[in-house]
Amino acid sequence: MTIDLERYQSLKSNVERLRRESDRAEGALEQLMARLKEEYGCKTLSDAKELAGKLENEAAEATRKFNKELEEFEEEWSEVLEKE
């Protein structure tokens, strides 16, 4: 079975393009992993996911506390707040 020259060139071009894309993706991943390590101390994606979950929980708790404090404030100062 023979492959004509045009088909060969097309396949070769696609392979080269895919290699370039792969190299760019690998470089981007390396940069992101370095940034995760530098900024957040995460060595792996697993560490980053764990940290993200922890931060989400902390944010949810902070929001809950804020809403509770706001409710108490509005209740305590309702007479003054209603006058406005």
PDB file of N, CA and C in Angstrom:
ATOM      1  N   MET A   1       0.845  -1.170   0.000  1.00  0.00           N
ATOM      2  CA  MET A   1       0.000   0.000   0.000  1.00  0.00           C
ATOM      3  C   MET A   1       0.894   1.236   0.000  1.00  0.00           C
ATOM      4  N   THR A   2       0.631   2.139  -0.884  1.00  0.00           N
ATOM      5  CA  THR A   2       1.441   3.351  -0.945  1.00  0.00           C
ATOM      6  C   THR A   2       0.593   4.551  -0.547  1.00  0.00           C
ATOM      7  N   ILE A   3       1.250   5.479   0.107  1.00  0.00           N
ATOM      8  CA  ILE A   3       0.590   6.729   0.495  1.00  0.00           C
ATOM      9  C   ILE A   3       1.103   7.794  -0.454  1.00  0.00           C
ATOM     10  N   ASP A   4       0.181   8.524  -1.039  1.00  0.00           N
ATOM     11  CA  ASP A   4       0.655   9.559  -1.955  1.00  0.00           C
ATOM     12  C   ASP A   4       1.326  10.692  -1.184  1.00  0.00           C
ATOM     13  N   LEU A   5       2.141  11.444  -1.857  1.00  0.00           N
ATOM     14  CA  LEU A   5       2.946  12.502  -1.252  1.00  0.00           C
ATOM     15  C   LEU A   5       2.085  13.561  -0.571  1.00  0.00           C
ATOM     16  N   GLU A   6       0.974  13.906  -1.162  1.00  0.00           N
ATOM     17  CA  GLU A   6       0.087  14.921  -0.587  1.00  0.00           C
ATOM     18  C   GLU A   6      -0.469  14.465   0.758  1.00  0.00           C
ATOM     19  N   ARG A   7      -0.889  13.210   0.825  1.00  0.00           N
ATOM     20  CA  ARG A   7      -1.421  12.655   2.083  1.00  0.00           C
ATOM     21  C   ARG A   7      -0.321  12.623   3.137  1.00  0.00           C
ATOM     22  N   TYR A   8       0.878  12.218   2.731  1.00  0.00           N
ATOM     23  CA  TYR A   8       2.012  12.182   3.650  1.00  0.00           C
ATOM     24  C   TYR A   8       2.305  13.573   4.211  1.00  0.00           C
ATOM     25  N   GLN A   9       2.344  14.593   3.353  1.00  0.00           N
ATOM     26  CA  GLN A   9       2.628  15.962   3.786  1.00  0.00           C
ATOM     27  C   GLN A   9       1.546  16.453   4.754  1.00  0.00           C
ATOM     28  N   SER A  10       0.313  16.106   4.461  1.00  0.00           N
ATOM     29  CA  SER A  10      -0.795  16.502   5.331  1.00  0.00           C
ATOM     30  C   SER A  10      -0.650  15.873   6.718  1.00  0.00           C
ATOM     31  N   LEU A  11      -0.364  14.590   6.756  1.00  0.00           N
ATOM     32  CA  LEU A  11      -0.174  13.903   8.036  1.00  0.00           C
ATOM     33  C   LEU A  11       1.023  14.469   8.794  1.00  0.00           C
ATOM     34  N   LYS A  12       2.097  14.710   8.085  1.00  0.00           N
ATOM     35  CA  LYS A  12       3.303  15.261   8.698  1.00  0.00           C
ATOM     36  C   LYS A  12       3.017  16.641   9.293  1.00  0.00           C
ATOM     37  N   SER A  13       2.284  17.450   8.554  1.00  0.00           N
ATOM     38  CA  SER A  13       1.926  18.788   9.019  1.00  0.00           C
ATOM     39  C   SER A  13       1.065  18.713  10.279  1.00  0.00           C
ATOM     40  N   ASN A  14       0.102  17.797  10.286  1.00  0.00           N
ATOM     41  CA  ASN A  14      -0.751  17.629  11.466  1.00  0.00           C
ATOM     42  C   ASN A  14       0.045  17.175  12.679  1.00  0.00           C
ATOM     43  N   VAL A  15       0.953  16.252  12.479  1.00  0.00           N
ATOM     44  CA  VAL A  15       1.794  15.764  13.578  1.00  0.00           C
ATOM     45  C   VAL A  15       2.636  16.913  14.146  1.00  0.00           C
ATOM     46  N   GLU A  16       3.244  17.697  13.289  1.00  0.00           N
ATOM     47  CA  GLU A  16       4.065  18.827  13.747  1.00  0.00           C
ATOM     48  C   GLU A  16       3.221  19.850  14.509  1.00  0.00           C
ATOM     49  N   ARG A  17       2.022  20.131  14.011  1.00  0.00           N
ATOM     50  CA  ARG A  17       1.132  21.079  14.686  1.00  0.00           C
ATOM     51  C   ARG A  17       0.741  20.552  16.062  1.00  0.00           C
ATOM     52  N   LEU A  18       0.397  19.284  16.128  1.00  0.00           N
ATOM     53  CA  LEU A  18       0.008  18.683  17.404  1.00  0.00           C
ATOM     54  C   LEU A  18       1.171  18.649  18.395  1.00  0.00           C
ATOM     55  N   ARG A  19       2.389  18.439  17.904  1.00  0.00           N
ATOM     56  CA  ARG A  19       3.561  18.479  18.787  1.00  0.00           C
ATOM     57  C   ARG A  19       3.763  19.874  19.364  1.00  0.00           C
ATOM     58  N   ARG A  20       3.595  20.903  18.522  1.00  0.00           N
ATOM     59  CA  ARG A  20       3.734  22.287  18.999  1.00  0.00           C
ATOM     60  C   ARG A  20       2.676  22.596  20.062  1.00  0.00           C
ATOM     61  N   GLU A  21       1.448  22.178  19.793  1.00  0.00           N
ATOM     62  CA  GLU A  21       0.377  22.405  20.766  1.00  0.00           C
ATOM     63  C   GLU A  21       0.662  21.680  22.072  1.00  0.00           C
ATOM     64  N   SER A  22       1.156  20.473  21.967  1.00  0.00           N
ATOM     65  CA  SER A  22       1.505  19.691  23.153  1.00  0.00           C
ATOM     66  C   SER A  22       2.624  20.374  23.944  1.00  0.00           C
ATOM     67  N   ASP A  23       3.636  20.869  23.241  1.00  0.00           N
ATOM     68  CA  ASP A  23       4.740  21.568  23.900  1.00  0.00           C
ATOM     69  C   ASP A  23       4.247  22.824  24.616  1.00  0.00           C
ATOM     70  N   ARG A  24       3.348  23.578  23.961  1.00  0.00           N
ATOM     71  CA  ARG A  24       2.793  24.782  24.594  1.00  0.00           C
ATOM     72  C   ARG A  24       1.988  24.423  25.835  1.00  0.00           C
ATOM     73  N   ALA A  25       1.182  23.385  25.732  1.00  0.00           N
ATOM     74  CA  ALA A  25       0.369  22.952  26.874  1.00  0.00           C
ATOM     75  C   ALA A  25       1.257  22.491  28.029  1.00  0.00           C
ATOM     76  N   GLU A  26       2.312  21.778  27.706  1.00  0.00           N
ATOM     77  CA  GLU A  26       3.235  21.309  28.734  1.00  0.00           C
ATOM     78  C   GLU A  26       3.929  22.490  29.418  1.00  0.00           C
ATOM     79  N   GLY A  27       4.331  23.477  28.633  1.00  0.00           N
ATOM     80  CA  GLY A  27       4.962  24.668  29.202  1.00  0.00           C
ATOM     81  C   GLY A  27       3.997  25.439  30.092  1.00  0.00           C
ATOM     82  N   ALA A  28       2.755  25.556  29.651  1.00  0.00           N
ATOM     83  CA  ALA A  28       1.744  26.255  30.454  1.00  0.00           C
ATOM     84  C   ALA A  28       1.508  25.513  31.765  1.00  0.00           C
ATOM     85  N   LEU A  29       1.436  24.196  31.695  1.00  0.00           N
ATOM     86  CA  LEU A  29       1.239  23.394  32.904  1.00  0.00           C
ATOM     87  C   LEU A  29       2.404  23.590  33.866  1.00  0.00           C
ATOM     88  N   GLU A  30       3.617  23.581  33.352  1.00  0.00           N
ATOM     89  CA  GLU A  30       4.792  23.784  34.208  1.00  0.00           C
ATOM     90  C   GLU A  30       4.741  25.148  34.888  1.00  0.00           C
ATOM     91  N   GLN A  31       4.332  26.170  34.144  1.00  0.00           N
ATOM     92  CA  GLN A  31       4.222  27.514  34.729  1.00  0.00           C
ATOM     93  C   GLN A  31       3.161  27.554  35.822  1.00  0.00           C
ATOM     94  N   LEU A  32       2.010  26.941  35.552  1.00  0.00           N
ATOM     95  CA  LEU A  32       0.939  26.935  36.547  1.00  0.00           C
ATOM     96  C   LEU A  32       1.335  26.147  37.798  1.00  0.00           C
ATOM     97  N   MET A  33       2.019  25.035  37.604  1.00  0.00           N
ATOM     98  CA  MET A  33       2.455  24.253  38.759  1.00  0.00           C
ATOM     99  C   MET A  33       3.486  25.039  39.580  1.00  0.00           C
ATOM    100  N   ALA A  34       4.371  25.751  38.908  1.00  0.00           N
ATOM    101  CA  ALA A  34       5.356  26.580  39.617  1.00  0.00           C
ATOM    102  C   ALA A  34       4.641  27.684  40.394  1.00  0.00           C
ATOM    103  N   ARG A  35       3.619  28.265  39.794  1.00  0.00           N
ATOM    104  CA  ARG A  35       2.855  29.327  40.469  1.00  0.00           C
ATOM    105  C   ARG A  35       2.103  28.768  41.678  1.00  0.00           C
ATOM    106  N   LEU A  36       1.498  27.586  41.533  1.00  0.00           N
ATOM    107  CA  LEU A  36       0.819  26.955  42.666  1.00  0.00           C
ATOM    108  C   LEU A  36       1.787  26.718  43.819  1.00  0.00           C
ATOM    109  N   LYS A  37       2.986  26.261  43.483  1.00  0.00           N
ATOM    110  CA  LYS A  37       3.981  25.983  44.511  1.00  0.00           C
ATOM    111  C   LYS A  37       4.448  27.276  45.170  1.00  0.00           C
ATOM    112  N   GLU A  38       4.730  28.289  44.354  1.00  0.00           N
ATOM    113  CA  GLU A  38       5.253  29.551  44.871  1.00  0.00           C
ATOM    114  C   GLU A  38       4.214  30.318  45.692  1.00  0.00           C
ATOM    115  N   GLU A  39       3.013  30.450  45.165  1.00  0.00           N
ATOM    116  CA  GLU A  39       1.999  31.284  45.814  1.00  0.00           C
ATOM    117  C   GLU A  39       1.223  30.572  46.918  1.00  0.00           C
ATOM    118  N   TYR A  40       1.042  29.262  46.774  1.00  0.00           N
ATOM    119  CA  TYR A  40       0.181  28.553  47.719  1.00  0.00           C
ATOM    120  C   TYR A  40       0.844  27.367  48.400  1.00  0.00           C
ATOM    121  N   GLY A  41       2.082  27.067  48.038  1.00  0.00           N
ATOM    122  CA  GLY A  41       2.792  25.958  48.662  1.00  0.00           C
ATOM    123  C   GLY A  41       2.288  24.582  48.244  1.00  0.00           C
ATOM    124  N   CYS A  42       1.584  24.495  47.126  1.00  0.00           N
ATOM    125  CA  CYS A  42       1.033  23.225  46.655  1.00  0.00           C
ATOM    126  C   CYS A  42       2.005  22.572  45.670  1.00  0.00           C
ATOM    127  N   LYS A  43       2.362  21.325  45.956  1.00  0.00           N
ATOM    128  CA  LYS A  43       3.293  20.614  45.082  1.00  0.00           C
ATOM    129  C   LYS A  43       2.559  19.800  44.015  1.00  0.00           C
ATOM    130  N   THR A  44       1.302  19.460  44.282  1.00  0.00           N
ATOM    131  CA  THR A  44       0.536  18.647  43.339  1.00  0.00           C
ATOM    132  C   THR A  44      -0.857  19.243  43.147  1.00  0.00           C
ATOM    133  N   LEU A  45      -1.538  18.774  42.116  1.00  0.00           N
ATOM    134  CA  LEU A  45      -2.917  19.208  41.895  1.00  0.00           C
ATOM    135  C   LEU A  45      -3.805  18.739  43.041  1.00  0.00           C
ATOM    136  N   SER A  46      -3.479  17.609  43.595  1.00  0.00           N
ATOM    137  CA  SER A  46      -4.230  17.085  44.732  1.00  0.00           C
ATOM    138  C   SER A  46      -4.133  18.053  45.920  1.00  0.00           C
ATOM    139  N   ASP A  47      -2.923  18.547  46.176  1.00  0.00           N
ATOM    140  CA  ASP A  47      -2.731  19.530  47.246  1.00  0.00           C
ATOM    141  C   ASP A  47      -3.546  20.787  46.968  1.00  0.00           C
ATOM    142  N   ALA A  48      -3.547  21.223  45.716  1.00  0.00           N
ATOM    143  CA  ALA A  48      -4.282  22.435  45.334  1.00  0.00           C
ATOM    144  C   ALA A  48      -5.779  22.241  45.513  1.00  0.00           C
ATOM    145  N   LYS A  49      -6.293  21.075  45.132  1.00  0.00           N
ATOM    146  CA  LYS A  49      -7.722  20.801  45.306  1.00  0.00           C
ATOM    147  C   LYS A  49      -8.093  20.779  46.784  1.00  0.00           C
ATOM    148  N   GLU A  50      -7.232  20.187  47.586  1.00  0.00           N
ATOM    149  CA  GLU A  50      -7.473  20.135  49.030  1.00  0.00           C
ATOM    150  C   GLU A  50      -7.494  21.552  49.610  1.00  0.00           C
ATOM    151  N   LEU A  51      -6.538  22.370  49.209  1.00  0.00           N
ATOM    152  CA  LEU A  51      -6.487  23.748  49.678  1.00  0.00           C
ATOM    153  C   LEU A  51      -7.718  24.523  49.219  1.00  0.00           C
ATOM    154  N   ALA A  52      -8.123  24.322  47.971  1.00  0.00           N
ATOM    155  CA  ALA A  52      -9.307  25.004  47.444  1.00  0.00           C
ATOM    156  C   ALA A  52     -10.543  24.636  48.266  1.00  0.00           C
ATOM    157  N   GLY A  53     -10.684  23.377  48.601  1.00  0.00           N
ATOM    158  CA  GLY A  53     -11.815  22.940  49.432  1.00  0.00           C
ATOM    159  C   GLY A  53     -11.781  23.589  50.800  1.00  0.00           C
ATOM    160  N   LYS A  54     -10.590  23.649  51.388  1.00  0.00           N
ATOM    161  CA  LYS A  54     -10.434  24.275  52.700  1.00  0.00           C
ATOM    162  C   LYS A  54     -10.804  25.757  52.631  1.00  0.00           C
ATOM    163  N   LEU A  55     -10.321  26.446  51.595  1.00  0.00           N
ATOM    164  CA  LEU A  55     -10.619  27.870  51.456  1.00  0.00           C
ATOM    165  C   LEU A  55     -12.108  28.112  51.193  1.00  0.00           C
ATOM    166  N   GLU A  56     -12.739  27.228  50.430  1.00  0.00           N
ATOM    167  CA  GLU A  56     -14.181  27.348  50.200  1.00  0.00           C
ATOM    168  C   GLU A  56     -14.950  27.188  51.506  1.00  0.00           C
ATOM    169  N   ASN A  57     -14.533  26.234  52.329  1.00  0.00           N
ATOM    170  CA  ASN A  57     -15.183  26.042  53.634  1.00  0.00           C
ATOM    171  C   ASN A  57     -14.997  27.259  54.525  1.00  0.00           C
ATOM    172  N   GLU A  58     -13.792  27.816  54.517  1.00  0.00           N
ATOM    173  CA  GLU A  58     -13.525  29.009  55.318  1.00  0.00           C
ATOM    174  C   GLU A  58     -14.365  30.193  54.833  1.00  0.00           C
ATOM    175  N   ALA A  59     -14.505  30.337  53.525  1.00  0.00           N
ATOM    176  CA  ALA A  59     -15.309  31.426  52.969  1.00  0.00           C
ATOM    177  C   ALA A  59     -16.778  31.249  53.346  1.00  0.00           C
ATOM    178  N   ALA A  60     -17.266  30.014  53.286  1.00  0.00           N
ATOM    179  CA  ALA A  60     -18.658  29.747  53.657  1.00  0.00           C
ATOM    180  C   ALA A  60     -18.884  30.059  55.129  1.00  0.00           C
ATOM    181  N   GLU A  61     -17.939  29.687  55.972  1.00  0.00           N
ATOM    182  CA  GLU A  61     -18.056  29.966  57.408  1.00  0.00           C
ATOM    183  C   GLU A  61     -18.004  31.471  57.673  1.00  0.00           C
ATOM    184  N   ALA A  62     -17.126  32.180  56.990  1.00  0.00           N
ATOM    185  CA  ALA A  62     -17.037  33.632  57.156  1.00  0.00           C
ATOM    186  C   ALA A  62     -18.337  34.305  56.712  1.00  0.00           C
ATOM    187  N   THR A  63     -18.918  33.832  55.623  1.00  0.00           N
ATOM    188  CA  THR A  63     -20.191  34.380  55.142  1.00  0.00           C
ATOM    189  C   THR A  63     -21.294  34.127  56.158  1.00  0.00           C
ATOM    190  N   ARG A  64     -21.320  32.918  56.709  1.00  0.00           N
ATOM    191  CA  ARG A  64     -22.325  32.582  57.715  1.00  0.00           C
ATOM    192  C   ARG A  64     -22.188  33.486  58.942  1.00  0.00           C
ATOM    193  N   LYS A  65     -20.959  33.680  59.408  1.00  0.00           N
ATOM    194  CA  LYS A  65     -20.729  34.543  60.571  1.00  0.00           C
ATOM    195  C   LYS A  65     -21.121  35.990  60.268  1.00  0.00           C
ATOM    196  N   PHE A  66     -20.762  36.459  59.083  1.00  0.00           N
ATOM    197  CA  PHE A  66     -21.113  37.820  58.701  1.00  0.00           C
ATOM    198  C   PHE A  66     -22.628  38.002  58.708  1.00  0.00           C
ATOM    199  N   ASN A  67     -23.346  37.084  58.093  1.00  0.00           N
ATOM    200  CA  ASN A  67     -24.805  37.185  58.039  1.00  0.00           C
ATOM    201  C   ASN A  67     -25.429  37.166  59.432  1.00  0.00           C
ATOM    202  N   LYS A  68     -24.867  36.330  60.313  1.00  0.00           N
ATOM    203  CA  LYS A  68     -25.362  36.271  61.689  1.00  0.00           C
ATOM    204  C   LYS A  68     -25.126  37.605  62.393  1.00  0.00           C
ATOM    205  N   GLU A  69     -23.917  38.144  62.272  1.00  0.00           N
ATOM    206  CA  GLU A  69     -23.594  39.423  62.905  1.00  0.00           C
ATOM    207  C   GLU A  69     -24.438  40.560  62.324  1.00  0.00           C
ATOM    208  N   LEU A  70     -24.654  40.543  61.026  1.00  0.00           N
ATOM    209  CA  LEU A  70     -25.479  41.571  60.389  1.00  0.00           C
ATOM    210  C   LEU A  70     -26.903  41.509  60.906  1.00  0.00           C
ATOM    211  N   GLU A  71     -27.426  40.315  61.023  1.00  0.00           N
ATOM    212  CA  GLU A  71     -28.784  40.141  61.545  1.00  0.00           C
ATOM    213  C   GLU A  71     -28.889  40.676  62.971  1.00  0.00           C
ATOM    214  N   GLU A  72     -27.888  40.349  63.798  1.00  0.00           N
ATOM    215  CA  GLU A  72     -27.891  40.838  65.178  1.00  0.00           C
ATOM    216  C   GLU A  72     -27.780  42.357  65.214  1.00  0.00           C
ATOM    217  N   PHE A  73     -26.936  42.931  64.367  1.00  0.00           N
ATOM    218  CA  PHE A  73     -26.783  44.386  64.298  1.00  0.00           C
ATOM    219  C   PHE A  73     -28.099  45.044  63.907  1.00  0.00           C
ATOM    220  N   GLU A  74     -28.735  44.528  62.852  1.00  0.00           N
ATOM    221  CA  GLU A  74     -29.987  45.112  62.390  1.00  0.00           C
ATOM    222  C   GLU A  74     -31.079  44.997  63.452  1.00  0.00           C
ATOM    223  N   GLU A  75     -31.056  43.887  64.183  1.00  0.00           N
ATOM    224  CA  GLU A  75     -32.041  43.705  65.248  1.00  0.00           C
ATOM    225  C   GLU A  75     -31.794  44.702  66.378  1.00  0.00           C
ATOM    226  N   GLU A  76     -30.546  44.842  66.768  1.00  0.00           N
ATOM    227  CA  GLU A  76     -30.196  45.740  67.875  1.00  0.00           C
ATOM    228  C   GLU A  76     -30.455  47.203  67.513  1.00  0.00           C
ATOM    229  N   TRP A  77     -30.207  47.576  66.283  1.00  0.00           N
ATOM    230  CA  TRP A  77     -30.323  48.956  65.866  1.00  0.00           C
ATOM    231  C   TRP A  77     -31.542  49.210  64.967  1.00  0.00           C
ATOM    232  N   SER A  78     -32.506  48.349  65.032  1.00  0.00           N
ATOM    233  CA  SER A  78     -33.653  48.450  64.135  1.00  0.00           C
ATOM    234  C   SER A  78     -34.386  49.789  64.268  1.00  0.00           C
ATOM    235  N   GLU A  79     -34.509  50.301  65.481  1.00  0.00           N
ATOM    236  CA  GLU A  79     -35.219  51.577  65.668  1.00  0.00           C
ATOM    237  C   GLU A  79     -34.497  52.713  64.967  1.00  0.00           C
ATOM    238  N   VAL A  80     -33.199  52.747  65.075  1.00  0.00           N
ATOM    239  CA  VAL A  80     -32.422  53.810  64.434  1.00  0.00           C
ATOM    240  C   VAL A  80     -32.421  53.614  62.915  1.00  0.00           C
ATOM    241  N   LEU A  81     -32.287  52.399  62.484  1.00  0.00           N
ATOM    242  CA  LEU A  81     -32.237  52.116  61.046  1.00  0.00           C
ATOM    243  C   LEU A  81     -33.568  52.397  60.370  1.00  0.00           C
ATOM    244  N   GLU A  82     -34.673  52.187  61.062  1.00  0.00           N
ATOM    245  CA  GLU A  82     -35.998  52.424  60.475  1.00  0.00           C
ATOM    246  C   GLU A  82     -36.303  53.893  60.299  1.00  0.00           C
ATOM    247  N   LYS A  83     -35.667  54.764  61.063  1.00  0.00           N
ATOM    248  CA  LYS A  83     -35.913  56.207  60.995  1.00  0.00           C
ATOM    249  C   LYS A  83     -35.374  56.794  59.706  1.00  0.00           C
ATOM    250  N   GLU A  84     -34.431  56.171  59.108  1.00  0.00           N
ATOM    251  CA  GLU A  84     -33.813  56.731  57.886  1.00  0.00           C
ATOM    252  C   GLU A  84     -34.651  56.573  56.688  1.00  0.00           C
TER     253      GLU A  84
END
